[in-house]
Amino acid sequence: MADENQMDQGSAVPPQVGEKAKRGVTHARKSAEDLRSAAGTMANEYLGRAEEVWDGALDRVRTFQDDSKQYVRENPTKAVFTALGVGFVLGLIFRR
């Protein structure tokens, strides 16, 4: 008999539940938007830091390259013998 009373009342959801569900959805959307915004901000910060590191690395490589060229111009004999020595050692290492 209790089952019949429940069936007579219908399966309508009380209005409070619907309102709570809407507030929950609104809260979830706001939280998702906040998370997306925070993630975007962090991504931009990391991108900026990565660009700084990349630029610094390029500057160091260019400086090393310029210094190497200058050294070879000032000491051509040492540079040739150093290159021969390094090539010989690498040849021994890779032959095995």
C-alpha atoms as a PDB file:
ATOM      1  CA  MET A   1       0.000   0.000   0.000  1.00  0.00           C
ATOM      2  CA  ALA A   2       2.920   2.300   0.666  1.00  0.00           C
ATOM      3  CA  ASP A   3       4.084   1.610  -2.869  1.00  0.00           C
ATOM      4  CA  GLU A   4       0.731   2.740  -4.236  1.00  0.00           C
ATOM      5  CA  ASN A   5       0.933   6.030  -2.292  1.00  0.00           C
ATOM      6  CA  GLN A   6       4.358   6.713  -3.717  1.00  0.00           C
ATOM      7  CA  MET A   7       3.110   6.015  -7.214  1.00  0.00           C
ATOM      8  CA  ASP A   8       0.158   8.336  -6.715  1.00  0.00           C
ATOM      9  CA  GLN A   9       2.436  11.161  -5.658  1.00  0.00           C
ATOM     10  CA  GLY A  10       4.404  10.790  -8.860  1.00  0.00           C
ATOM     11  CA  SER A  11       8.147  10.865  -9.384  1.00  0.00           C
ATOM     12  CA  ALA A  12       8.449  14.630  -9.280  1.00  0.00           C
ATOM     13  CA  VAL A  13      11.662  15.975  -7.833  1.00  0.00           C
ATOM     14  CA  PRO A  14      11.181  18.469  -5.019  1.00  0.00           C
ATOM     15  CA  PRO A  15      12.036  22.041  -6.087  1.00  0.00           C
ATOM     16  CA  GLN A  16      14.793  22.294  -3.469  1.00  0.00           C
ATOM     17  CA  VAL A  17      16.686  19.423  -5.083  1.00  0.00           C
ATOM     18  CA  GLY A  18      16.464  21.053  -8.507  1.00  0.00           C
ATOM     19  CA  GLU A  19      17.744  24.355  -7.136  1.00  0.00           C
ATOM     20  CA  LYS A  20      20.607  22.635  -5.331  1.00  0.00           C
ATOM     21  CA  ALA A  21      21.499  20.799  -8.521  1.00  0.00           C
ATOM     22  CA  LYS A  22      21.532  24.065 -10.480  1.00  0.00           C
ATOM     23  CA  ARG A  23      23.734  25.698  -7.831  1.00  0.00           C
ATOM     24  CA  GLY A  24      26.031  22.679  -7.948  1.00  0.00           C
ATOM     25  CA  VAL A  25      26.325  22.913 -11.715  1.00  0.00           C
ATOM     26  CA  THR A  26      26.948  26.665 -11.501  1.00  0.00           C
ATOM     27  CA  HIS A  27      29.586  26.114  -8.825  1.00  0.00           C
ATOM     28  CA  ALA A  28      31.253  23.375 -10.900  1.00  0.00           C
ATOM     29  CA  ARG A  29      31.350  25.622 -13.975  1.00  0.00           C
ATOM     30  CA  LYS A  30      32.831  28.487 -11.947  1.00  0.00           C
ATOM     31  CA  SER A  31      35.437  26.151 -10.461  1.00  0.00           C
ATOM     32  CA  ALA A  32      36.314  24.826 -13.912  1.00  0.00           C
ATOM     33  CA  GLU A  33      36.677  28.385 -15.229  1.00  0.00           C
ATOM     34  CA  ASP A  34      38.910  29.332 -12.284  1.00  0.00           C
ATOM     35  CA  LEU A  35      41.029  26.233 -12.854  1.00  0.00           C
ATOM     36  CA  ARG A  36      41.327  26.974 -16.575  1.00  0.00           C
ATOM     37  CA  SER A  37      42.368  30.542 -15.815  1.00  0.00           C
ATOM     38  CA  ALA A  38      44.970  29.432 -13.268  1.00  0.00           C
ATOM     39  CA  ALA A  39      46.333  26.807 -15.655  1.00  0.00           C
ATOM     40  CA  GLY A  40      46.608  29.393 -18.427  1.00  0.00           C
ATOM     41  CA  THR A  41      48.452  31.777 -16.146  1.00  0.00           C
ATOM     42  CA  MET A  42      50.876  29.063 -15.059  1.00  0.00           C
ATOM     43  CA  ALA A  43      51.430  27.981 -18.654  1.00  0.00           C
ATOM     44  CA  ASN A  44      52.255  31.557 -19.648  1.00  0.00           C
ATOM     45  CA  GLU A  45      54.693  31.880 -16.737  1.00  0.00           C
ATOM     46  CA  TYR A  46      56.460  28.642 -17.689  1.00  0.00           C
ATOM     47  CA  LEU A  47      56.535  29.674 -21.337  1.00  0.00           C
ATOM     48  CA  GLY A  48      58.168  32.973 -20.414  1.00  0.00           C
ATOM     49  CA  ARG A  49      60.734  31.208 -18.236  1.00  0.00           C
ATOM     50  CA  ALA A  50      61.469  28.677 -20.995  1.00  0.00           C
ATOM     51  CA  GLU A  51      62.037  31.499 -23.486  1.00  0.00           C
ATOM     52  CA  GLU A  52      64.450  33.180 -21.062  1.00  0.00           C
ATOM     53  CA  VAL A  53      66.403  29.943 -20.579  1.00  0.00           C
ATOM     54  CA  TRP A  54      66.471  29.294 -24.330  1.00  0.00           C
ATOM     55  CA  ASP A  55      67.735  32.806 -25.054  1.00  0.00           C
ATOM     56  CA  GLY A  56      70.416  32.434 -22.383  1.00  0.00           C
ATOM     57  CA  ALA A  57      71.533  29.113 -23.846  1.00  0.00           C
ATOM     58  CA  LEU A  58      71.732  30.605 -27.342  1.00  0.00           C
ATOM     59  CA  ASP A  59      73.830  33.489 -26.032  1.00  0.00           C
ATOM     60  CA  ARG A  60      76.228  31.079 -24.295  1.00  0.00           C
ATOM     61  CA  VAL A  61      76.557  28.937 -27.432  1.00  0.00           C
ATOM     62  CA  ARG A  62      77.246  31.968 -29.598  1.00  0.00           C
ATOM     63  CA  THR A  63      79.819  33.239 -27.121  1.00  0.00           C
ATOM     64  CA  PHE A  64      81.513  29.818 -27.018  1.00  0.00           C
ATOM     65  CA  GLN A  65      81.526  29.684 -30.814  1.00  0.00           C
ATOM     66  CA  ASP A  66      83.050  33.153 -31.099  1.00  0.00           C
ATOM     67  CA  ASP A  67      85.669  32.338 -28.451  1.00  0.00           C
ATOM     68  CA  SER A  68      86.531  29.096 -30.250  1.00  0.00           C
ATOM     69  CA  LYS A  69      86.999  30.885 -33.560  1.00  0.00           C
ATOM     70  CA  GLN A  70      89.191  33.480 -31.900  1.00  0.00           C
ATOM     71  CA  TYR A  71      91.305  30.773 -30.209  1.00  0.00           C
ATOM     72  CA  VAL A  72      91.788  28.913 -33.508  1.00  0.00           C
ATOM     73  CA  ARG A  73      92.873  32.133 -35.233  1.00  0.00           C
ATOM     74  CA  GLU A  74      95.377  32.893 -32.476  1.00  0.00           C
ATOM     75  CA  ASN A  75      96.662  29.294 -32.086  1.00  0.00           C
ATOM     76  CA  PRO A  76      96.214  27.403 -35.361  1.00  0.00           C
ATOM     77  CA  THR A  77      98.870  24.773 -34.646  1.00  0.00           C
ATOM     78  CA  LYS A  78      97.489  23.912 -31.215  1.00  0.00           C
ATOM     79  CA  ALA A  79      93.989  23.764 -32.636  1.00  0.00           C
ATOM     80  CA  VAL A  80      94.975  21.355 -35.416  1.00  0.00           C
ATOM     81  CA  PHE A  81      96.860  19.032 -33.065  1.00  0.00           C
ATOM     82  CA  THR A  82      94.042  19.164 -30.520  1.00  0.00           C
ATOM     83  CA  ALA A  83      91.532  18.238 -33.222  1.00  0.00           C
ATOM     84  CA  LEU A  84      93.762  15.372 -34.372  1.00  0.00           C
ATOM     85  CA  GLY A  85      94.106  14.111 -30.808  1.00  0.00           C
ATOM     86  CA  VAL A  86      90.387  14.265 -30.129  1.00  0.00           C
ATOM     87  CA  GLY A  87      89.660  12.527 -33.433  1.00  0.00           C
ATOM     88  CA  PHE A  88      92.177   9.796 -32.650  1.00  0.00           C
ATOM     89  CA  VAL A  89      90.703   9.166 -29.182  1.00  0.00           C
ATOM     90  CA  LEU A  90      87.152   9.107 -30.535  1.00  0.00           C
ATOM     91  CA  GLY A  91      88.258   6.718 -33.286  1.00  0.00           C
ATOM     92  CA  LEU A  92      89.675   4.349 -30.669  1.00  0.00           C
ATOM     93  CA  ILE A  93      86.528   4.550 -28.568  1.00  0.00           C
ATOM     94  CA  PHE A  94      84.105   3.930 -31.431  1.00  0.00           C
ATOM     95  CA  ARG A  95      86.201   1.183 -33.031  1.00  0.00           C
ATOM     96  CA  ARG A  96      85.547  -1.121 -30.069  1.00  0.00           C
END
